[in-house]
PDB file of N, CA and C in Angstrom:
ATOM      1  N   UNK A   1     207.193 112.328 -10.214  1.00  0.00           N
ATOM      2  CA  UNK A   1     208.565 111.154 -10.642  1.00  0.00           C
ATOM      3  C   UNK A   1     209.487 111.944 -10.344  1.00  0.00           C
ATOM      4  N   UNK A   2     210.155 112.937 -10.727  1.00  0.00           N
ATOM      5  CA  UNK A   2     211.560 113.531 -10.581  1.00  0.00           C
ATOM      6  C   UNK A   2     211.521 114.071  -9.224  1.00  0.00           C
ATOM      7  N   UNK A   3     210.029 114.998  -8.237  1.00  0.00           N
ATOM      8  CA  UNK A   3     210.213 114.827  -7.317  1.00  0.00           C
ATOM      9  C   UNK A   3     210.839 113.946  -6.374  1.00  0.00           C
ATOM     10  N   UNK A   4     210.914 113.357  -6.236  1.00  0.00           N
ATOM     11  CA  UNK A   4     210.693 111.826  -5.285  1.00  0.00           C
ATOM     12  C   UNK A   4     212.550 111.677  -5.714  1.00  0.00           C
ATOM     13  N   UNK A   5     212.573 111.099  -6.860  1.00  0.00           N
ATOM     14  CA  UNK A   5     214.349 111.231  -7.841  1.00  0.00           C
ATOM     15  C   UNK A   5     214.641 112.237  -8.523  1.00  0.00           C
ATOM     16  N   UNK A   6     215.367 113.674  -7.888  1.00  0.00           N
ATOM     17  CA  UNK A   6     215.608 114.324  -8.111  1.00  0.00           C
ATOM     18  C   UNK A   6     217.249 114.209  -8.830  1.00  0.00           C
ATOM     19  N   UNK A   7     217.868 113.105  -8.892  1.00  0.00           N
ATOM     20  CA  UNK A   7     218.758 113.085  -9.440  1.00  0.00           C
ATOM     21  C   UNK A   7     218.679 112.052 -10.628  1.00  0.00           C
ATOM     22  N   UNK A   8     219.473 112.141 -12.093  1.00  0.00           N
ATOM     23  CA  UNK A   8     219.366 111.015 -12.694  1.00  0.00           C
ATOM     24  C   UNK A   8     220.050 109.752 -12.414  1.00  0.00           C
ATOM     25  N   UNK A   9     219.481 108.485 -12.451  1.00  0.00           N
ATOM     26  CA  UNK A   9     220.298 107.515 -12.262  1.00  0.00           C
ATOM     27  C   UNK A   9     221.587 107.072 -12.796  1.00  0.00           C
ATOM     28  N   UNK A  10     221.311 107.692 -13.561  1.00  0.00           N
ATOM     29  CA  UNK A  10     223.576 107.741 -14.260  1.00  0.00           C
ATOM     30  C   UNK A  10     223.706 106.219 -13.859  1.00  0.00           C
ATOM     31  N   UNK A  11     223.210 105.231 -15.244  1.00  0.00           N
ATOM     32  CA  UNK A  11     222.954 104.107 -16.183  1.00  0.00           C
ATOM     33  C   UNK A  11     224.730 103.733 -16.385  1.00  0.00           C
ATOM     34  N   UNK A  12     225.090 104.501 -16.530  1.00  0.00           N
ATOM     35  CA  UNK A  12     226.285 105.139 -17.589  1.00  0.00           C
ATOM     36  C   UNK A  12     227.392 104.512 -16.814  1.00  0.00           C
ATOM     37  N   UNK A  13     227.403 105.099 -15.518  1.00  0.00           N
ATOM     38  CA  UNK A  13     228.455 105.394 -14.391  1.00  0.00           C
ATOM     39  C   UNK A  13     229.311 106.753 -14.550  1.00  0.00           C
ATOM     40  N   UNK A  14     228.829 107.816 -15.301  1.00  0.00           N
ATOM     41  CA  UNK A  14     229.888 108.709 -15.925  1.00  0.00           C
ATOM     42  C   UNK A  14     229.627 110.123 -14.775  1.00  0.00           C
ATOM     43  N   UNK A  15     228.648 110.239 -14.740  1.00  0.00           N
ATOM     44  CA  UNK A  15     228.466 111.592 -13.431  1.00  0.00           C
ATOM     45  C   UNK A  15     228.280 111.629 -12.294  1.00  0.00           C
ATOM     46  N   UNK A  16     228.173 112.327 -11.022  1.00  0.00           N
ATOM     47  CA  UNK A  16     227.510 112.777  -9.924  1.00  0.00           C
ATOM     48  C   UNK A  16     227.479 113.803  -9.824  1.00  0.00           C
ATOM     49  N   UNK A  17     225.864 113.543  -9.044  1.00  0.00           N
ATOM     50  CA  UNK A  17     224.545 114.334  -8.615  1.00  0.00           C
ATOM     51  C   UNK A  17     224.494 115.291  -9.581  1.00  0.00           C
ATOM     52  N   UNK A  18     223.901 114.641 -10.893  1.00  0.00           N
ATOM     53  CA  UNK A  18     223.218 115.474 -12.060  1.00  0.00           C
ATOM     54  C   UNK A  18     221.904 115.819 -11.688  1.00  0.00           C
ATOM     55  N   UNK A  19     221.189 116.759 -11.736  1.00  0.00           N
ATOM     56  CA  UNK A  19     219.610 117.003 -11.677  1.00  0.00           C
ATOM     57  C   UNK A  19     219.201 116.155 -13.383  1.00  0.00           C
ATOM     58  N   UNK A  20     218.436 115.531 -12.641  1.00  0.00           N
ATOM     59  CA  UNK A  20     217.637 114.621 -13.517  1.00  0.00           C
ATOM     60  C   UNK A  20     216.646 115.440 -14.364  1.00  0.00           C
ATOM     61  N   UNK A  21     216.371 115.717 -15.633  1.00  0.00           N
ATOM     62  CA  UNK A  21     215.649 116.471 -16.352  1.00  0.00           C
ATOM     63  C   UNK A  21     214.528 115.569 -17.342  1.00  0.00           C
ATOM     64  N   UNK A  22     214.672 113.845 -17.468  1.00  0.00           N
ATOM     65  CA  UNK A  22     213.826 113.400 -18.265  1.00  0.00           C
ATOM     66  C   UNK A  22     213.057 111.728 -17.322  1.00  0.00           C
ATOM     67  N   UNK A  23     212.689 111.517 -17.754  1.00  0.00           N
ATOM     68  CA  UNK A  23     211.720 110.092 -17.318  1.00  0.00           C
ATOM     69  C   UNK A  23     211.796 109.422 -18.285  1.00  0.00           C
ATOM     70  N   UNK A  24     212.255 107.574 -17.800  1.00  0.00           N
ATOM     71  CA  UNK A  24     212.302 107.252 -19.145  1.00  0.00           C
ATOM     72  C   UNK A  24     211.969 106.056 -18.694  1.00  0.00           C
ATOM     73  N   UNK A  25     210.705 105.395 -19.310  1.00  0.00           N
ATOM     74  CA  UNK A  25     210.551 103.579 -20.103  1.00  0.00           C
ATOM     75  C   UNK A  25     211.350 102.518 -19.792  1.00  0.00           C
ATOM     76  N   UNK A  26     211.873 102.032 -18.797  1.00  0.00           N
ATOM     77  CA  UNK A  26     212.606 101.517 -18.638  1.00  0.00           C
ATOM     78  C   UNK A  26     212.381 100.085 -20.152  1.00  0.00           C
ATOM     79  N   UNK A  27     211.237  99.317 -19.789  1.00  0.00           N
ATOM     80  CA  UNK A  27     210.430  98.551 -21.303  1.00  0.00           C
ATOM     81  C   UNK A  27     209.333  99.487 -21.954  1.00  0.00           C
ATOM     82  N   UNK A  28     210.075  99.248 -22.915  1.00  0.00           N
ATOM     83  CA  UNK A  28     209.372 100.609 -23.557  1.00  0.00           C
ATOM     84  C   UNK A  28     207.517 100.977 -23.551  1.00  0.00           C
ATOM     85  N   UNK A  29     206.856 101.416 -23.971  1.00  0.00           N
ATOM     86  CA  UNK A  29     205.752 101.646 -24.052  1.00  0.00           C
ATOM     87  C   UNK A  29     204.830 100.993 -25.102  1.00  0.00           C
ATOM     88  N   UNK A  30     205.897 100.817 -26.562  1.00  0.00           N
ATOM     89  CA  UNK A  30     205.558  99.927 -27.727  1.00  0.00           C
ATOM     90  C   UNK A  30     205.917  98.884 -26.919  1.00  0.00           C
ATOM     91  N   UNK A  31     206.309  98.267 -26.424  1.00  0.00           N
ATOM     92  CA  UNK A  31     206.841  97.054 -26.131  1.00  0.00           C
ATOM     93  C   UNK A  31     205.394  96.061 -25.154  1.00  0.00           C
ATOM     94  N   UNK A  32     205.108  97.142 -24.208  1.00  0.00           N
ATOM     95  CA  UNK A  32     204.005  96.475 -23.180  1.00  0.00           C
ATOM     96  C   UNK A  32     203.834  98.113 -22.596  1.00  0.00           C
ATOM     97  N   UNK A  33     202.461  98.442 -23.672  1.00  0.00           N
ATOM     98  CA  UNK A  33     201.955  99.106 -23.144  1.00  0.00           C
ATOM     99  C   UNK A  33     201.179  99.285 -21.806  1.00  0.00           C
ATOM    100  N   UNK A  34     201.057  97.703 -21.334  1.00  0.00           N
ATOM    101  CA  UNK A  34     200.493  97.911 -19.547  1.00  0.00           C
ATOM    102  C   UNK A  34     201.252  99.043 -18.716  1.00  0.00           C
ATOM    103  N   UNK A  35     202.449  99.060 -18.946  1.00  0.00           N
ATOM    104  CA  UNK A  35     203.809  99.470 -17.303  1.00  0.00           C
ATOM    105  C   UNK A  35     203.520 101.069 -18.685  1.00  0.00           C
ATOM    106  N   UNK A  36     202.681 101.032 -19.199  1.00  0.00           N
ATOM    107  CA  UNK A  36     203.194 102.744 -19.139  1.00  0.00           C
ATOM    108  C   UNK A  36     203.388 103.919 -18.089  1.00  0.00           C
ATOM    109  N   UNK A  37     201.880 103.943 -17.409  1.00  0.00           N
ATOM    110  CA  UNK A  37     201.909 103.993 -15.629  1.00  0.00           C
ATOM    111  C   UNK A  37     202.576 103.575 -14.487  1.00  0.00           C
ATOM    112  N   UNK A  38     203.421 101.911 -14.779  1.00  0.00           N
ATOM    113  CA  UNK A  38     203.946 101.413 -13.867  1.00  0.00           C
ATOM    114  C   UNK A  38     205.580 102.329 -12.891  1.00  0.00           C
ATOM    115  N   UNK A  39     204.818 103.288 -11.790  1.00  0.00           N
ATOM    116  CA  UNK A  39     206.174 103.671 -11.643  1.00  0.00           C
ATOM    117  C   UNK A  39     207.257 102.673 -10.987  1.00  0.00           C
ATOM    118  N   UNK A  40     207.227 101.247 -10.924  1.00  0.00           N
ATOM    119  CA  UNK A  40     208.208 100.468 -10.947  1.00  0.00           C
ATOM    120  C   UNK A  40     209.194 100.361 -12.981  1.00  0.00           C
ATOM    121  N   UNK A  41     208.563 100.736 -13.789  1.00  0.00           N
ATOM    122  CA  UNK A  41     209.492 100.993 -15.021  1.00  0.00           C
ATOM    123  C   UNK A  41     209.729 102.213 -15.272  1.00  0.00           C
ATOM    124  N   UNK A  42     209.818 103.168 -14.375  1.00  0.00           N
ATOM    125  CA  UNK A  42     210.456 104.473 -15.358  1.00  0.00           C
ATOM    126  C   UNK A  42     211.428 104.731 -13.929  1.00  0.00           C
ATOM    127  N   UNK A  43     212.574 105.572 -14.403  1.00  0.00           N
ATOM    128  CA  UNK A  43     213.699 105.479 -13.964  1.00  0.00           C
ATOM    129  C   UNK A  43     213.679 107.675 -14.443  1.00  0.00           C
ATOM    130  N   UNK A  44     214.933 108.188 -13.368  1.00  0.00           N
ATOM    131  CA  UNK A  44     214.648 109.407 -13.778  1.00  0.00           C
ATOM    132  C   UNK A  44     216.765 110.063 -14.487  1.00  0.00           C
ATOM    133  N   UNK A  45     216.172 110.737 -15.543  1.00  0.00           N
ATOM    134  CA  UNK A  45     217.523 110.480 -16.366  1.00  0.00           C
ATOM    135  C   UNK A  45     218.093 112.332 -16.551  1.00  0.00           C
ATOM    136  N   UNK A  46     218.907 112.406 -16.832  1.00  0.00           N
ATOM    137  CA  UNK A  46     219.774 113.616 -17.502  1.00  0.00           C
ATOM    138  C   UNK A  46     219.505 113.191 -18.917  1.00  0.00           C
ATOM    139  N   UNK A  47     218.901 114.953 -19.542  1.00  0.00           N
ATOM    140  CA  UNK A  47     219.265 114.357 -20.763  1.00  0.00           C
ATOM    141  C   UNK A  47     220.430 113.735 -22.171  1.00  0.00           C
ATOM    142  N   UNK A  48     221.638 113.694 -21.227  1.00  0.00           N
ATOM    143  CA  UNK A  48     222.777 113.285 -22.075  1.00  0.00           C
ATOM    144  C   UNK A  48     222.254 111.345 -21.747  1.00  0.00           C
ATOM    145  N   UNK A  49     222.149 110.921 -21.013  1.00  0.00           N
ATOM    146  CA  UNK A  49     221.991 109.672 -20.733  1.00  0.00           C
ATOM    147  C   UNK A  49     220.732 109.067 -21.618  1.00  0.00           C
ATOM    148  N   UNK A  50     219.214 110.018 -20.752  1.00  0.00           N
ATOM    149  CA  UNK A  50     218.001 109.671 -21.788  1.00  0.00           C
ATOM    150  C   UNK A  50     218.867 109.561 -23.193  1.00  0.00           C
ATOM    151  N   UNK A  51     219.703 110.136 -24.163  1.00  0.00           N
ATOM    152  CA  UNK A  51     219.643 110.625 -25.780  1.00  0.00           C
ATOM    153  C   UNK A  51     220.309 109.368 -26.132  1.00  0.00           C
ATOM    154  N   UNK A  52     221.490 108.507 -24.914  1.00  0.00           N
ATOM    155  CA  UNK A  52     222.162 107.559 -24.792  1.00  0.00           C
ATOM    156  C   UNK A  52     221.412 106.698 -24.859  1.00  0.00           C
ATOM    157  N   UNK A  53     219.751 106.457 -23.816  1.00  0.00           N
ATOM    158  CA  UNK A  53     219.775 105.215 -23.996  1.00  0.00           C
ATOM    159  C   UNK A  53     218.938 104.764 -25.086  1.00  0.00           C
ATOM    160  N   UNK A  54     218.069 106.023 -25.412  1.00  0.00           N
ATOM    161  CA  UNK A  54     217.497 106.013 -26.768  1.00  0.00           C
ATOM    162  C   UNK A  54     218.135 105.161 -27.584  1.00  0.00           C
ATOM    163  N   UNK A  55     219.427 106.079 -27.928  1.00  0.00           N
ATOM    164  CA  UNK A  55     219.938 105.896 -29.348  1.00  0.00           C
ATOM    165  C   UNK A  55     220.387 103.675 -28.568  1.00  0.00           C
ATOM    166  N   UNK A  56     220.330 103.763 -27.803  1.00  0.00           N
ATOM    167  CA  UNK A  56     221.236 102.161 -27.291  1.00  0.00           C
ATOM    168  C   UNK A  56     219.622 101.315 -27.825  1.00  0.00           C
ATOM    169  N   UNK A  57     218.515 101.158 -27.340  1.00  0.00           N
ATOM    170  CA  UNK A  57     216.900 100.609 -27.700  1.00  0.00           C
ATOM    171  C   UNK A  57     217.335 101.115 -29.242  1.00  0.00           C
ATOM    172  N   UNK A  58     217.500 102.120 -29.521  1.00  0.00           N
ATOM    173  CA  UNK A  58     216.459 101.933 -31.739  1.00  0.00           C
ATOM    174  C   UNK A  58     217.981 101.467 -32.057  1.00  0.00           C
ATOM    175  N   UNK A  59     219.134 100.788 -31.712  1.00  0.00           N
ATOM    176  CA  UNK A  59     219.786 100.066 -32.286  1.00  0.00           C
ATOM    177  C   UNK A  59     220.436  98.902 -31.539  1.00  0.00           C
ATOM    178  N   UNK A  60     220.087  98.425 -31.185  1.00  0.00           N
ATOM    179  CA  UNK A  60     220.410  97.056 -29.995  1.00  0.00           C
ATOM    180  C   UNK A  60     218.921  96.442 -29.281  1.00  0.00           C
ATOM    181  N   UNK A  61     217.979  97.448 -29.210  1.00  0.00           N
ATOM    182  CA  UNK A  61     216.340  96.903 -29.026  1.00  0.00           C
ATOM    183  C   UNK A  61     216.734  96.864 -26.778  1.00  0.00           C
ATOM    184  N   UNK A  62     216.556  95.918 -26.298  1.00  0.00           N
ATOM    185  CA  UNK A  62     216.579  96.105 -24.728  1.00  0.00           C
ATOM    186  C   UNK A  62     217.959  96.598 -24.301  1.00  0.00           C
ATOM    187  N   UNK A  63     217.875  97.618 -23.624  1.00  0.00           N
ATOM    188  CA  UNK A  63     218.611  97.806 -22.794  1.00  0.00           C
ATOM    189  C   UNK A  63     218.237  98.008 -20.425  1.00  0.00           C
ATOM    190  N   UNK A  64     216.663  97.167 -20.139  1.00  0.00           N
ATOM    191  CA  UNK A  64     217.176  96.846 -19.309  1.00  0.00           C
ATOM    192  C   UNK A  64     217.537  97.057 -18.072  1.00  0.00           C
ATOM    193  N   UNK A  65     219.035  96.239 -18.772  1.00  0.00           N
ATOM    194  CA  UNK A  65     220.573  95.909 -18.117  1.00  0.00           C
ATOM    195  C   UNK A  65     221.344  97.127 -17.641  1.00  0.00           C
ATOM    196  N   UNK A  66     220.554  97.863 -18.066  1.00  0.00           N
ATOM    197  CA  UNK A  66     221.041  99.282 -17.424  1.00  0.00           C
ATOM    198  C   UNK A  66     220.301  99.605 -16.110  1.00  0.00           C
ATOM    199  N   UNK A  67     219.493  99.025 -15.832  1.00  0.00           N
ATOM    200  CA  UNK A  67     218.853  99.572 -14.824  1.00  0.00           C
ATOM    201  C   UNK A  67     218.457  97.962 -13.665  1.00  0.00           C
ATOM    202  N   UNK A  68     218.359  98.677 -12.531  1.00  0.00           N
ATOM    203  CA  UNK A  68     217.561  97.314 -11.703  1.00  0.00           C
ATOM    204  C   UNK A  68     216.240  97.122 -11.597  1.00  0.00           C
ATOM    205  N   UNK A  69     215.110  96.541 -12.950  1.00  0.00           N
ATOM    206  CA  UNK A  69     214.410  96.323 -13.545  1.00  0.00           C
ATOM    207  C   UNK A  69     213.176  96.847 -12.768  1.00  0.00           C
ATOM    208  N   UNK A  70     213.329  98.339 -12.897  1.00  0.00           N
ATOM    209  CA  UNK A  70     212.000  99.523 -12.236  1.00  0.00           C
ATOM    210  C   UNK A  70     212.146  99.773 -10.604  1.00  0.00           C
ATOM    211  N   UNK A  71     213.754  98.720 -10.005  1.00  0.00           N
ATOM    212  CA  UNK A  71     213.203  99.407  -9.206  1.00  0.00           C
ATOM    213  C   UNK A  71     214.380 100.940  -9.075  1.00  0.00           C
ATOM    214  N   UNK A  72     212.916 101.992  -8.401  1.00  0.00           N
ATOM    215  CA  UNK A  72     213.888 103.385  -8.432  1.00  0.00           C
ATOM    216  C   UNK A  72     214.566 104.231  -7.680  1.00  0.00           C
ATOM    217  N   UNK A  73     215.809 103.924  -7.900  1.00  0.00           N
ATOM    218  CA  UNK A  73     216.314 104.506  -6.411  1.00  0.00           C
ATOM    219  C   UNK A  73     216.798 105.871  -6.994  1.00  0.00           C
ATOM    220  N   UNK A  74     217.560 107.064  -6.215  1.00  0.00           N
ATOM    221  CA  UNK A  74     218.137 108.119  -6.191  1.00  0.00           C
ATOM    222  C   UNK A  74     219.670 108.263  -6.120  1.00  0.00           C
ATOM    223  N   UNK A  75     220.228 108.586  -6.861  1.00  0.00           N
ATOM    224  CA  UNK A  75     222.311 109.250  -6.499  1.00  0.00           C
ATOM    225  C   UNK A  75     222.178 108.226  -5.132  1.00  0.00           C
ATOM    226  N   UNK A  76     221.851 108.707  -4.016  1.00  0.00           N
ATOM    227  CA  UNK A  76     222.225 109.070  -2.556  1.00  0.00           C
ATOM    228  C   UNK A  76     222.160 106.936  -1.996  1.00  0.00           C
ATOM    229  N   UNK A  77     220.449 106.454  -2.498  1.00  0.00           N
ATOM    230  CA  UNK A  77     220.458 104.983  -2.405  1.00  0.00           C
ATOM    231  C   UNK A  77     221.674 104.264  -3.521  1.00  0.00           C
ATOM    232  N   UNK A  78     221.251 104.601  -4.591  1.00  0.00           N
ATOM    233  CA  UNK A  78     222.547 103.488  -5.220  1.00  0.00           C
ATOM    234  C   UNK A  78     223.768 103.537  -4.837  1.00  0.00           C
ATOM    235  N   UNK A  79     224.735 105.007  -4.306  1.00  0.00           N
ATOM    236  CA  UNK A  79     225.989 104.733  -3.705  1.00  0.00           C
ATOM    237  C   UNK A  79     226.008 104.455  -2.426  1.00  0.00           C
ATOM    238  N   UNK A  80     224.958 104.168  -1.795  1.00  0.00           N
ATOM    239  CA  UNK A  80     225.099 103.136  -0.612  1.00  0.00           C
ATOM    240  C   UNK A  80     224.845 101.894  -1.028  1.00  0.00           C
ATOM    241  N   UNK A  81     225.132 101.050  -2.056  1.00  0.00           N
ATOM    242  CA  UNK A  81     224.913 100.065  -2.211  1.00  0.00           C
ATOM    243  C   UNK A  81     226.267  99.677  -2.698  1.00  0.00           C
TER     244      UNK A  81
END
């Protein structure tokens, strides 16, 4: 996953061209275990963004609105749209 999408998805629009360090499950495994290995349910994030997303999930639950519901894009693809 990180080879194909090497940059942080940057769901908060805080930085550019930051290398990813983590892969995040958009729909948490605890919510839907059948999507654990679904590539459409994964997004690459830097540690800072991953920590923020995880904190939001713990506090409010759903965070899929931060992503394009599993449509993974590199930073270049995201900027083109």
